[in-house]
Amino acid sequence: MRKAAQAAADPEVTLEPTAIYTPAPRYSGRACCCAAQPAVIAVLPPSASRPGETDLLFCGHHYRGLLPALAAHGATILDISGHPLTAGAWPDPG
């Protein structure tokens, strides 16, 4: 009998969660802001209305235009490989 079925049939049986670490994919073929290929990942810190970090994929055009707002919100900017970028740096095209 499967564990879930056992737990349903017998209230004394408890299910232990199995911890499996799988990193969340950060890359998509499309930016969040438009249909262009993403150039950077902006990681927004948690806020009062958003309990966890949020990854946003930006194309180059929108990244440059939103850089002041991202900085004001304390975003960490990563190149598309996940390496941190310094303020105002442009990712290496590879």
Protein backbone atom coordinates (compact mmCIF):
# COMPACT_ATOMS: atom_id res chain seq x y z
CA MET A 1 0.00 0.00 0.00
CA ARG A 2 1.31 3.46 -0.85
CA LYS A 3 2.22 5.80 2.03
CA ALA A 4 -0.50 8.32 1.18
CA ALA A 5 -3.14 5.59 1.10
CA GLN A 6 -1.77 4.21 4.38
CA ALA A 7 -1.97 7.65 5.98
CA ALA A 8 -5.57 8.05 4.82
CA ALA A 9 -6.52 4.59 6.13
CA ASP A 10 -4.60 4.84 9.41
CA PRO A 11 -4.50 8.23 11.20
CA GLU A 12 -1.45 7.02 13.18
CA VAL A 13 0.69 6.91 10.04
CA THR A 14 2.45 10.21 9.37
CA LEU A 15 4.11 11.24 6.16
CA GLU A 16 7.61 12.66 6.36
CA PRO A 17 8.44 15.22 3.73
CA THR A 18 11.34 14.29 1.50
CA ALA A 19 13.73 17.15 0.90
CA ILE A 20 14.88 17.25 -2.69
CA TYR A 21 16.97 20.19 -3.80
CA THR A 22 16.48 21.25 -7.37
CA PRO A 23 17.52 24.76 -8.31
CA ALA A 24 14.76 26.76 -9.95
CA PRO A 25 15.42 27.50 -13.59
CA ARG A 26 16.23 31.16 -14.03
CA TYR A 27 16.49 31.37 -17.77
CA SER A 28 13.80 31.56 -20.38
CA GLY A 29 14.05 32.28 -24.06
CA ARG A 30 11.92 35.38 -23.60
CA ALA A 31 12.25 38.42 -21.33
CA CYS A 32 9.48 39.24 -18.85
CA CYS A 33 8.97 42.70 -20.35
CA CYS A 34 8.81 41.92 -24.07
CA ALA A 35 9.43 39.22 -26.66
CA ALA A 36 13.18 39.90 -26.85
CA GLN A 37 15.81 37.50 -25.56
CA PRO A 38 16.74 38.27 -21.93
CA ALA A 39 20.08 39.96 -21.25
CA VAL A 40 20.02 40.15 -17.44
CA ILE A 41 18.26 38.74 -14.40
CA ALA A 42 17.06 41.26 -11.82
CA VAL A 43 16.52 39.66 -8.41
CA LEU A 44 14.13 41.76 -6.34
CA PRO A 45 14.38 41.31 -2.57
CA PRO A 46 11.32 40.32 -0.52
CA SER A 47 8.90 43.10 0.40
CA ALA A 48 5.79 43.52 2.51
CA SER A 49 3.60 42.40 -0.38
CA ARG A 50 6.00 39.76 -1.75
CA PRO A 51 7.41 37.32 0.83
CA GLY A 52 10.18 35.85 -1.35
CA GLU A 53 12.75 37.02 -3.87
CA THR A 54 11.48 37.53 -7.39
CA ASP A 55 13.53 36.98 -10.55
CA LEU A 56 12.74 39.18 -13.53
CA LEU A 57 14.33 38.65 -16.94
CA PHE A 58 14.99 41.88 -18.83
CA CYS A 59 16.09 42.56 -22.36
CA GLY A 60 18.90 45.09 -22.75
CA HIS A 61 16.62 47.98 -23.70
CA HIS A 62 14.32 47.60 -20.70
CA TYR A 63 17.21 46.85 -18.32
CA ARG A 64 18.93 50.13 -19.22
CA GLY A 65 15.67 52.06 -18.89
CA LEU A 66 14.72 50.47 -15.56
CA LEU A 67 18.17 50.48 -13.95
CA PRO A 68 17.46 53.49 -11.67
CA ALA A 69 14.19 51.92 -10.44
CA LEU A 70 15.83 48.52 -9.93
CA ALA A 71 18.62 50.15 -7.91
CA ALA A 72 16.08 52.08 -5.83
CA HIS A 73 14.34 48.80 -4.95
CA GLY A 74 17.60 47.08 -4.00
CA ALA A 75 17.63 44.62 -6.88
CA THR A 76 20.65 42.44 -7.50
CA ILE A 77 21.55 42.31 -11.18
CA LEU A 78 22.97 39.10 -12.65
CA ASP A 79 24.15 38.31 -16.13
CA ILE A 80 22.17 35.59 -17.86
CA SER A 81 24.60 32.96 -16.49
CA GLY A 82 23.82 34.04 -12.93
CA HIS A 83 27.00 36.00 -12.22
CA PRO A 84 26.55 39.31 -10.35
CA LEU A 85 27.08 42.52 -12.30
CA THR A 86 28.43 45.70 -10.77
CA ALA A 87 26.40 48.90 -10.96
CA GLY A 88 26.16 50.12 -14.52
CA ALA A 89 28.04 47.14 -15.96
CA TRP A 90 26.78 45.59 -19.15
CA PRO A 91 26.89 41.79 -19.44
CA ASP A 92 29.56 40.23 -21.61
CA PRO A 93 27.84 38.95 -24.76
CA GLY A 94 29.89 35.75 -24.48
